[in-house]
Amino acid sequence: MSKIWFITGSSRGLGHRIAQAALRRGDRVAATARDTRALADLVADHGDAVLPLPLDVTDRAAAFNAVQRAHDHFGRLDVVVNNADYALGGAVEELGEQQLRDQLETAFFGAVWVTQAALPLLRAQGSGHIVQISSLSGVVAHPIMGGYAAAKWALEGLTESLAQEVAPFGVKATLVEPGAFATDVTSSAVLATPIDVYGPTRQDVLAQLTNSKAGDPAAAARALLRIVDAEKPPLRVLFGAHAYEFTQHVYAERLKSWSEWAYLSTEADGA
């Protein structure tokens, strides 16, 4: 049976590719963007199968309205994808208060508002799948990306709780954690005012990004189709070979560190 999707941040990047992949296999999509003119190609190619909706996810009332409009139009929602996002770059000392708040408003609170809007509808129909587009930065924080990582770690914790809360109602939740992909993420990035002492660290991070093999967002979108079609989808899934290999190494180091300091656990208990 074809699915009805609600996808935020559909104007470009991974969100646009997810919408294309769903539409090409015969699903229908409520695609949102701040400027719906960016969705013109989807409408031209797929006609009435696309419902373009204007949405700034930081506006809670607008998020609730858009989700309800999509549900009213199609009669149900099967997959809700929270993809709207941008990257905030800067060392922790460099980050401005408003920059941090704006990052959290989009990457975290925006996903919360859409999720809250969709949940009563999904519970009522006894099915549905909420997909949060997180990041490798939601698993492993990198230097110069602390603000972005903070938003993604918040989304990860919220969604882990969510998955347990909604399972009894037949609703599923998945965190997608992509590594580096060939999208235009840098075009929307916000950079903090630099402090010279962090220059070498910044250069190291840029060099790593430049040398990383970027994944294909179209392939990632096709992989997501398999996840939403699965009877028992994962809570977390890494996208990209580099992300999987890197995370294995990081978790091995974490386990090693916890083991080395495990004796403090009993001391902390007063045992």
C-alpha atoms as a PDB file:
ATOM      1  CA  MET A   1       0.000   0.000   0.000  1.00  0.00           C
ATOM      2  CA  SER A   2       1.306   3.448  -0.884  1.00  0.00           C
ATOM      3  CA  LYS A   3       2.276   5.761   1.955  1.00  0.00           C
ATOM      4  CA  ILE A   4       1.470   9.364   2.790  1.00  0.00           C
ATOM      5  CA  TRP A   5       4.518  11.397   3.834  1.00  0.00           C
ATOM      6  CA  PHE A   6       4.958  14.708   5.631  1.00  0.00           C
ATOM      7  CA  ILE A   7       8.505  15.995   5.095  1.00  0.00           C
ATOM      8  CA  THR A   8       9.993  19.202   6.485  1.00  0.00           C
ATOM      9  CA  GLY A   9      12.907  20.932   4.798  1.00  0.00           C
ATOM     10  CA  SER A  10      11.936  19.545   1.385  1.00  0.00           C
ATOM     11  CA  SER A  11      13.374  22.409  -0.641  1.00  0.00           C
ATOM     12  CA  ARG A  12      16.884  20.969  -0.999  1.00  0.00           C
ATOM     13  CA  GLY A  13      19.377  18.357   0.136  1.00  0.00           C
ATOM     14  CA  LEU A  14      18.300  15.115   1.729  1.00  0.00           C
ATOM     15  CA  GLY A  15      14.717  16.272   2.311  1.00  0.00           C
ATOM     16  CA  HIS A  16      14.248  16.941  -1.400  1.00  0.00           C
ATOM     17  CA  ARG A  17      15.736  13.558  -2.307  1.00  0.00           C
ATOM     18  CA  ILE A  18      13.495  11.749   0.181  1.00  0.00           C
ATOM     19  CA  ALA A  19      10.439  13.414  -1.347  1.00  0.00           C
ATOM     20  CA  GLN A  20      11.583  12.436  -4.847  1.00  0.00           C
ATOM     21  CA  ALA A  21      12.226   8.821  -3.845  1.00  0.00           C
ATOM     22  CA  ALA A  22       8.816   8.481  -2.196  1.00  0.00           C
ATOM     23  CA  LEU A  23       6.983  10.074  -5.123  1.00  0.00           C
ATOM     24  CA  ARG A  24       8.781   8.015  -7.754  1.00  0.00           C
ATOM     25  CA  ARG A  25       7.537   4.800  -6.215  1.00  0.00           C
ATOM     26  CA  GLY A  26       3.937   6.029  -6.109  1.00  0.00           C
ATOM     27  CA  ASP A  27       3.647   7.466  -2.607  1.00  0.00           C
ATOM     28  CA  ARG A  28       2.117  10.865  -1.905  1.00  0.00           C
ATOM     29  CA  VAL A  29       3.962  13.668  -0.128  1.00  0.00           C
ATOM     30  CA  ALA A  30       3.148  16.802   1.833  1.00  0.00           C
ATOM     31  CA  ALA A  31       6.387  18.681   1.215  1.00  0.00           C
ATOM     32  CA  THR A  32       7.171  21.734   3.308  1.00  0.00           C
ATOM     33  CA  ALA A  33       9.598  24.578   2.778  1.00  0.00           C
ATOM     34  CA  ARG A  34       9.916  28.171   3.855  1.00  0.00           C
ATOM     35  CA  ASP A  35       9.479  29.118   0.194  1.00  0.00           C
ATOM     36  CA  THR A  36       7.283  26.674  -1.740  1.00  0.00           C
ATOM     37  CA  ARG A  37       8.703  27.892  -5.054  1.00  0.00           C
ATOM     38  CA  ALA A  38      11.633  25.572  -4.291  1.00  0.00           C
ATOM     39  CA  LEU A  39       9.181  22.657  -4.582  1.00  0.00           C
ATOM     40  CA  ALA A  40       8.129  23.525  -8.139  1.00  0.00           C
ATOM     41  CA  ASP A  41      10.001  20.606  -9.706  1.00  0.00           C
ATOM     42  CA  LEU A  42       8.237  18.109  -7.429  1.00  0.00           C
ATOM     43  CA  VAL A  43       4.843  19.506  -8.380  1.00  0.00           C
ATOM     44  CA  ALA A  44       5.746  19.608 -12.083  1.00  0.00           C
ATOM     45  CA  ASP A  45       6.899  15.995 -12.066  1.00  0.00           C
ATOM     46  CA  HIS A  46       4.246  14.492  -9.797  1.00  0.00           C
ATOM     47  CA  GLY A  47       1.194  16.764  -9.869  1.00  0.00           C
ATOM     48  CA  ASP A  48      -1.509  16.073  -7.312  1.00  0.00           C
ATOM     49  CA  ALA A  49       0.666  13.519  -5.507  1.00  0.00           C
ATOM     50  CA  VAL A  50       2.467  16.510  -3.970  1.00  0.00           C
ATOM     51  CA  LEU A  51       0.984  18.973  -1.507  1.00  0.00           C
ATOM     52  CA  PRO A  52       3.416  21.920  -1.198  1.00  0.00           C
ATOM     53  CA  LEU A  53       3.093  23.674   2.142  1.00  0.00           C
ATOM     54  CA  PRO A  54       4.873  26.786   3.425  1.00  0.00           C
ATOM     55  CA  LEU A  55       6.372  26.173   6.844  1.00  0.00           C
ATOM     56  CA  ASP A  56       8.891  27.717   9.189  1.00  0.00           C
ATOM     57  CA  VAL A  57       9.282  24.906  11.727  1.00  0.00           C
ATOM     58  CA  THR A  58      10.261  27.340  14.473  1.00  0.00           C
ATOM     59  CA  ASP A  59       6.653  28.586  14.460  1.00  0.00           C
ATOM     60  CA  ARG A  60       4.761  26.068  16.632  1.00  0.00           C
ATOM     61  CA  ALA A  61       1.311  27.169  15.522  1.00  0.00           C
ATOM     62  CA  ALA A  62       2.341  27.010  11.871  1.00  0.00           C
ATOM     63  CA  ALA A  63       3.722  23.487  12.378  1.00  0.00           C
ATOM     64  CA  PHE A  64       0.440  22.288  13.867  1.00  0.00           C
ATOM     65  CA  ASN A  65      -1.509  23.953  11.059  1.00  0.00           C
ATOM     66  CA  ALA A  66       0.655  22.408   8.318  1.00  0.00           C
ATOM     67  CA  VAL A  67       0.398  18.909   9.760  1.00  0.00           C
ATOM     68  CA  GLN A  68      -3.390  19.227  10.070  1.00  0.00           C
ATOM     69  CA  ARG A  69      -3.684  20.553   6.509  1.00  0.00           C
ATOM     70  CA  ALA A  70      -1.699  17.586   5.202  1.00  0.00           C
ATOM     71  CA  HIS A  71      -3.840  15.145   7.142  1.00  0.00           C
ATOM     72  CA  ASP A  72      -7.070  16.798   5.980  1.00  0.00           C
ATOM     73  CA  HIS A  73      -5.874  16.775   2.369  1.00  0.00           C
ATOM     74  CA  PHE A  74      -4.705  13.160   2.160  1.00  0.00           C
ATOM     75  CA  GLY A  75      -6.910  11.628   4.856  1.00  0.00           C
ATOM     76  CA  ARG A  76      -4.040  10.130   6.858  1.00  0.00           C
ATOM     77  CA  LEU A  77      -0.287  10.366   7.492  1.00  0.00           C
ATOM     78  CA  ASP A  78       2.005   7.360   7.465  1.00  0.00           C
ATOM     79  CA  VAL A  79       5.522   8.798   7.657  1.00  0.00           C
ATOM     80  CA  VAL A  80       6.551  12.091   9.259  1.00  0.00           C
ATOM     81  CA  VAL A  81      10.114  13.148   8.479  1.00  0.00           C
ATOM     82  CA  ASN A  82      11.708  15.953  10.489  1.00  0.00           C
ATOM     83  CA  ASN A  83      14.508  17.060   8.217  1.00  0.00           C
ATOM     84  CA  ALA A  84      14.513  20.890   8.422  1.00  0.00           C
ATOM     85  CA  ASP A  85      17.909  21.958   9.689  1.00  0.00           C
ATOM     86  CA  TYR A  86      21.121  23.886   9.126  1.00  0.00           C
ATOM     87  CA  ALA A  87      24.610  23.693  10.596  1.00  0.00           C
ATOM     88  CA  LEU A  88      26.017  26.147  13.130  1.00  0.00           C
ATOM     89  CA  GLY A  89      29.804  26.205  13.120  1.00  0.00           C
ATOM     90  CA  GLY A  90      32.032  27.623  15.818  1.00  0.00           C
ATOM     91  CA  ALA A  91      34.019  26.754  18.905  1.00  0.00           C
ATOM     92  CA  VAL A  92      31.965  26.829  22.101  1.00  0.00           C
ATOM     93  CA  GLU A  93      33.660  30.050  23.196  1.00  0.00           C
ATOM     94  CA  GLU A  94      32.760  31.680  19.883  1.00  0.00           C
ATOM     95  CA  LEU A  95      29.054  30.901  19.832  1.00  0.00           C
ATOM     96  CA  GLY A  96      26.602  33.732  20.393  1.00  0.00           C
ATOM     97  CA  GLU A  97      23.507  33.274  22.519  1.00  0.00           C
ATOM     98  CA  GLN A  98      21.108  34.007  19.680  1.00  0.00           C
ATOM     99  CA  GLN A  99      23.009  31.701  17.355  1.00  0.00           C
ATOM    100  CA  LEU A 100      22.627  28.843  19.819  1.00  0.00           C
ATOM    101  CA  ARG A 101      18.960  29.581  20.409  1.00  0.00           C
ATOM    102  CA  ASP A 102      18.292  29.738  16.663  1.00  0.00           C
ATOM    103  CA  GLN A 103      20.045  26.406  16.117  1.00  0.00           C
ATOM    104  CA  LEU A 104      17.979  24.721  18.812  1.00  0.00           C
ATOM    105  CA  GLU A 105      14.757  26.358  17.581  1.00  0.00           C
ATOM    106  CA  THR A 106      15.208  24.781  14.151  1.00  0.00           C
ATOM    107  CA  ALA A 107      16.999  21.469  14.705  1.00  0.00           C
ATOM    108  CA  PHE A 108      15.370  20.533  18.017  1.00  0.00           C
ATOM    109  CA  PHE A 109      12.226  22.506  18.793  1.00  0.00           C
ATOM    110  CA  GLY A 110      11.062  22.467  15.173  1.00  0.00           C
ATOM    111  CA  ALA A 111      11.145  18.673  15.231  1.00  0.00           C
ATOM    112  CA  VAL A 112       9.331  18.665  18.586  1.00  0.00           C
ATOM    113  CA  TRP A 113       6.499  20.863  17.277  1.00  0.00           C
ATOM    114  CA  VAL A 114       5.930  18.738  14.170  1.00  0.00           C
ATOM    115  CA  THR A 115       6.117  15.543  16.218  1.00  0.00           C
ATOM    116  CA  GLN A 116       3.614  16.841  18.770  1.00  0.00           C
ATOM    117  CA  ALA A 117       1.277  17.920  15.988  1.00  0.00           C
ATOM    118  CA  ALA A 118       1.401  14.509  14.305  1.00  0.00           C
ATOM    119  CA  LEU A 119       1.133  12.255  17.357  1.00  0.00           C
ATOM    120  CA  PRO A 120      -2.617  12.595  18.084  1.00  0.00           C
ATOM    121  CA  LEU A 121      -3.351  11.801  14.428  1.00  0.00           C
ATOM    122  CA  LEU A 122      -1.033   8.788  14.342  1.00  0.00           C
ATOM    123  CA  ARG A 123      -2.334   7.464  17.661  1.00  0.00           C
ATOM    124  CA  ALA A 124      -5.914   7.763  16.438  1.00  0.00           C
ATOM    125  CA  GLN A 125      -5.187   5.697  13.331  1.00  0.00           C
ATOM    126  CA  GLY A 126      -3.073   3.218  15.303  1.00  0.00           C
ATOM    127  CA  SER A 127      -0.066   3.451  13.020  1.00  0.00           C
ATOM    128  CA  GLY A 128       2.619   5.759  11.699  1.00  0.00           C
ATOM    129  CA  HIS A 129       6.349   6.295  11.658  1.00  0.00           C
ATOM    130  CA  ILE A 130       8.215   9.378  12.859  1.00  0.00           C
ATOM    131  CA  VAL A 131      11.655   9.736  11.284  1.00  0.00           C
ATOM    132  CA  GLN A 132      14.066  12.224  12.804  1.00  0.00           C
ATOM    133  CA  ILE A 133      16.984  13.170  10.577  1.00  0.00           C
ATOM    134  CA  SER A 134      19.739  13.420  13.143  1.00  0.00           C
ATOM    135  CA  SER A 135      23.432  13.235  12.256  1.00  0.00           C
ATOM    136  CA  LEU A 136      26.674  11.471  13.039  1.00  0.00           C
ATOM    137  CA  SER A 137      27.126  14.582  15.211  1.00  0.00           C
ATOM    138  CA  GLY A 138      24.196  13.299  17.251  1.00  0.00           C
ATOM    139  CA  VAL A 139      26.338  10.308  18.223  1.00  0.00           C
ATOM    140  CA  VAL A 140      29.832  11.780  18.262  1.00  0.00           C
ATOM    141  CA  ALA A 141      30.502  15.478  18.849  1.00  0.00           C
ATOM    142  CA  HIS A 142      33.261  17.084  16.808  1.00  0.00           C
ATOM    143  CA  PRO A 143      35.205  20.267  17.562  1.00  0.00           C
ATOM    144  CA  ILE A 144      33.841  23.497  16.069  1.00  0.00           C
ATOM    145  CA  MET A 145      30.403  21.860  15.795  1.00  0.00           C
ATOM    146  CA  GLY A 146      29.330  21.903  19.439  1.00  0.00           C
ATOM    147  CA  GLY A 147      26.157  23.950  18.923  1.00  0.00           C
ATOM    148  CA  TYR A 148      24.958  21.695  16.122  1.00  0.00           C
ATOM    149  CA  ALA A 149      25.838  18.569  18.121  1.00  0.00           C
ATOM    150  CA  ALA A 150      23.955  19.896  21.154  1.00  0.00           C
ATOM    151  CA  ALA A 151      20.752  20.190  19.101  1.00  0.00           C
ATOM    152  CA  LYS A 152      21.169  16.704  17.652  1.00  0.00           C
ATOM    153  CA  TRP A 153      21.983  15.101  21.021  1.00  0.00           C
ATOM    154  CA  ALA A 154      18.824  16.703  22.414  1.00  0.00           C
ATOM    155  CA  LEU A 155      16.826  15.259  19.509  1.00  0.00           C
ATOM    156  CA  GLU A 156      18.372  11.825  20.087  1.00  0.00           C
ATOM    157  CA  GLY A 157      17.397  11.745  23.758  1.00  0.00           C
ATOM    158  CA  LEU A 158      13.899  13.015  23.101  1.00  0.00           C
ATOM    159  CA  THR A 159      13.303  10.448  20.364  1.00  0.00           C
ATOM    160  CA  GLU A 160      14.581   7.525  22.429  1.00  0.00           C
ATOM    161  CA  SER A 161      11.947   8.387  25.033  1.00  0.00           C
ATOM    162  CA  LEU A 162       9.348   8.985  22.340  1.00  0.00           C
ATOM    163  CA  ALA A 163       9.847   5.560  20.764  1.00  0.00           C
ATOM    164  CA  GLN A 164       9.044   3.854  24.059  1.00  0.00           C
ATOM    165  CA  GLU A 165       6.040   6.075  24.743  1.00  0.00           C
ATOM    166  CA  VAL A 166       4.284   5.563  21.408  1.00  0.00           C
ATOM    167  CA  ALA A 167       5.057   1.893  20.736  1.00  0.00           C
ATOM    168  CA  PRO A 168       1.862   0.746  22.527  1.00  0.00           C
ATOM    169  CA  PHE A 169      -0.166   2.796  20.015  1.00  0.00           C
ATOM    170  CA  GLY A 170       1.407   1.203  16.946  1.00  0.00           C
ATOM    171  CA  VAL A 171       3.582   4.243  16.200  1.00  0.00           C
ATOM    172  CA  LYS A 172       7.287   3.817  15.383  1.00  0.00           C
ATOM    173  CA  ALA A 173      10.231   6.211  15.663  1.00  0.00           C
ATOM    174  CA  THR A 174      13.631   6.124  13.966  1.00  0.00           C
ATOM    175  CA  LEU A 175      16.697   8.339  14.238  1.00  0.00           C
ATOM    176  CA  VAL A 176      18.650   8.537  10.982  1.00  0.00           C
ATOM    177  CA  GLU A 177      22.285   9.484  11.614  1.00  0.00           C
ATOM    178  CA  PRO A 178      24.001  10.416   8.340  1.00  0.00           C
ATOM    179  CA  GLY A 179      27.704  11.027   8.011  1.00  0.00           C
ATOM    180  CA  ALA A 180      29.038  13.263   5.240  1.00  0.00           C
ATOM    181  CA  PHE A 181      26.754  13.463   2.207  1.00  0.00           C
ATOM    182  CA  ALA A 182      26.995  15.466  -0.991  1.00  0.00           C
ATOM    183  CA  THR A 183      24.349  18.055  -0.185  1.00  0.00           C
ATOM    184  CA  ASP A 184      24.489  21.848  -0.187  1.00  0.00           C
ATOM    185  CA  VAL A 185      24.556  21.998   3.614  1.00  0.00           C
ATOM    186  CA  THR A 186      27.400  24.543   3.578  1.00  0.00           C
ATOM    187  CA  SER A 187      25.244  27.047   1.687  1.00  0.00           C
ATOM    188  CA  SER A 188      22.940  27.428   4.691  1.00  0.00           C
ATOM    189  CA  ALA A 189      25.590  27.103   7.400  1.00  0.00           C
ATOM    190  CA  VAL A 190      25.913  29.831  10.008  1.00  0.00           C
ATOM    191  CA  LEU A 191      29.402  30.590  11.291  1.00  0.00           C
ATOM    192  CA  ALA A 192      30.262  32.215  14.590  1.00  0.00           C
ATOM    193  CA  THR A 193      32.709  35.107  14.733  1.00  0.00           C
ATOM    194  CA  PRO A 194      36.101  33.375  14.937  1.00  0.00           C
ATOM    195  CA  ILE A 195      38.606  33.718  17.753  1.00  0.00           C
ATOM    196  CA  ASP A 196      42.152  33.362  16.427  1.00  0.00           C
ATOM    197  CA  VAL A 197      43.327  30.765  18.952  1.00  0.00           C
ATOM    198  CA  TYR A 198      40.868  28.233  17.507  1.00  0.00           C
ATOM    199  CA  GLY A 199      42.187  28.729  13.977  1.00  0.00           C
ATOM    200  CA  PRO A 200      44.314  25.552  13.878  1.00  0.00           C
ATOM    201  CA  THR A 201      41.432  23.418  15.173  1.00  0.00           C
ATOM    202  CA  ARG A 202      39.121  24.954  12.595  1.00  0.00           C
ATOM    203  CA  GLN A 203      41.582  24.167   9.819  1.00  0.00           C
ATOM    204  CA  ASP A 204      41.890  20.555  10.992  1.00  0.00           C
ATOM    205  CA  VAL A 205      38.117  20.136  10.906  1.00  0.00           C
ATOM    206  CA  LEU A 206      37.867  21.685   7.438  1.00  0.00           C
ATOM    207  CA  ALA A 207      40.635  19.397   6.189  1.00  0.00           C
ATOM    208  CA  GLN A 208      38.822  16.342   7.539  1.00  0.00           C
ATOM    209  CA  LEU A 209      35.583  17.423   5.858  1.00  0.00           C
ATOM    210  CA  THR A 210      37.377  18.054   2.580  1.00  0.00           C
ATOM    211  CA  ASN A 211      39.037  14.637   2.635  1.00  0.00           C
ATOM    212  CA  SER A 212      35.921  12.707   3.682  1.00  0.00           C
ATOM    213  CA  LYS A 213      34.182  10.712   0.975  1.00  0.00           C
ATOM    214  CA  ALA A 214      30.695  12.166   0.617  1.00  0.00           C
ATOM    215  CA  GLY A 215      27.772   9.792   0.325  1.00  0.00           C
ATOM    216  CA  ASP A 216      25.049   9.964  -2.294  1.00  0.00           C
ATOM    217  CA  PRO A 217      21.881  11.593  -0.876  1.00  0.00           C
ATOM    218  CA  ALA A 218      19.728   9.834  -3.479  1.00  0.00           C
ATOM    219  CA  ALA A 219      21.016   6.472  -2.233  1.00  0.00           C
ATOM    220  CA  ALA A 220      20.312   7.568   1.348  1.00  0.00           C
ATOM    221  CA  ALA A 221      16.744   8.442   0.373  1.00  0.00           C
ATOM    222  CA  ARG A 222      16.262   5.005  -1.179  1.00  0.00           C
ATOM    223  CA  ALA A 223      17.646   3.390   1.973  1.00  0.00           C
ATOM    224  CA  LEU A 224      15.086   5.289   4.037  1.00  0.00           C
ATOM    225  CA  LEU A 225      12.292   3.723   1.989  1.00  0.00           C
ATOM    226  CA  ARG A 226      13.443   0.307   3.182  1.00  0.00           C
ATOM    227  CA  ILE A 227      13.412   1.498   6.791  1.00  0.00           C
ATOM    228  CA  VAL A 228       9.868   2.851   6.700  1.00  0.00           C
ATOM    229  CA  ASP A 229       8.700  -0.332   4.965  1.00  0.00           C
ATOM    230  CA  ALA A 230      10.247  -2.573   7.637  1.00  0.00           C
ATOM    231  CA  GLU A 231       7.941  -4.318  10.074  1.00  0.00           C
ATOM    232  CA  LYS A 232      10.426  -3.685  12.887  1.00  0.00           C
ATOM    233  CA  PRO A 233      12.508  -0.637  11.931  1.00  0.00           C
ATOM    234  CA  PRO A 234      15.563   0.349  13.979  1.00  0.00           C
ATOM    235  CA  LEU A 235      15.491   3.090  16.580  1.00  0.00           C
ATOM    236  CA  ARG A 236      18.853   4.294  15.260  1.00  0.00           C
ATOM    237  CA  VAL A 237      20.507   3.778  11.902  1.00  0.00           C
ATOM    238  CA  LEU A 238      23.794   5.171  10.605  1.00  0.00           C
ATOM    239  CA  PHE A 239      23.958   6.267   6.969  1.00  0.00           C
ATOM    240  CA  GLY A 240      27.343   6.062   5.292  1.00  0.00           C
ATOM    241  CA  ALA A 241      30.184   3.550   5.562  1.00  0.00           C
ATOM    242  CA  HIS A 242      32.422   6.147   7.221  1.00  0.00           C
ATOM    243  CA  ALA A 243      29.790   6.858   9.875  1.00  0.00           C
ATOM    244  CA  TYR A 244      29.503   3.171  10.763  1.00  0.00           C
ATOM    245  CA  GLU A 245      33.251   2.558  10.914  1.00  0.00           C
ATOM    246  CA  PHE A 246      33.954   5.748  12.848  1.00  0.00           C
ATOM    247  CA  THR A 247      31.203   5.087  15.394  1.00  0.00           C
ATOM    248  CA  GLN A 248      32.481   1.558  16.027  1.00  0.00           C
ATOM    249  CA  HIS A 249      35.878   3.020  16.920  1.00  0.00           C
ATOM    250  CA  VAL A 250      34.385   5.720  19.134  1.00  0.00           C
ATOM    251  CA  TYR A 251      32.210   3.282  21.077  1.00  0.00           C
ATOM    252  CA  ALA A 252      35.145   0.939  21.570  1.00  0.00           C
ATOM    253  CA  GLU A 253      37.050   3.834  23.119  1.00  0.00           C
ATOM    254  CA  ARG A 254      34.072   4.767  25.300  1.00  0.00           C
ATOM    255  CA  LEU A 255      33.691   1.213  26.578  1.00  0.00           C
ATOM    256  CA  LYS A 256      37.405   1.060  27.284  1.00  0.00           C
ATOM    257  CA  SER A 257      37.312   4.314  29.232  1.00  0.00           C
ATOM    258  CA  TRP A 258      34.235   3.265  31.236  1.00  0.00           C
ATOM    259  CA  SER A 259      35.918  -0.030  32.059  1.00  0.00           C
ATOM    260  CA  GLU A 260      39.140   1.640  33.212  1.00  0.00           C
ATOM    261  CA  TRP A 261      37.211   3.908  35.568  1.00  0.00           C
ATOM    262  CA  ALA A 262      34.537   1.405  36.603  1.00  0.00           C
ATOM    263  CA  TYR A 263      35.983   1.100  40.124  1.00  0.00           C
ATOM    264  CA  LEU A 264      34.778   4.648  40.791  1.00  0.00           C
ATOM    265  CA  SER A 265      31.175   3.514  40.289  1.00  0.00           C
ATOM    266  CA  THR A 266      31.260   1.546  43.561  1.00  0.00           C
ATOM    267  CA  GLU A 267      33.113   4.340  45.319  1.00  0.00           C
ATOM    268  CA  ALA A 268      30.495   6.839  44.149  1.00  0.00           C
ATOM    269  CA  ASP A 269      27.812   4.556  45.636  1.00  0.00           C
ATOM    270  CA  GLY A 270      29.623   4.620  48.962  1.00  0.00           C
ATOM    271  CA  ALA A 271      30.226   0.866  48.745  1.00  0.00           C
END
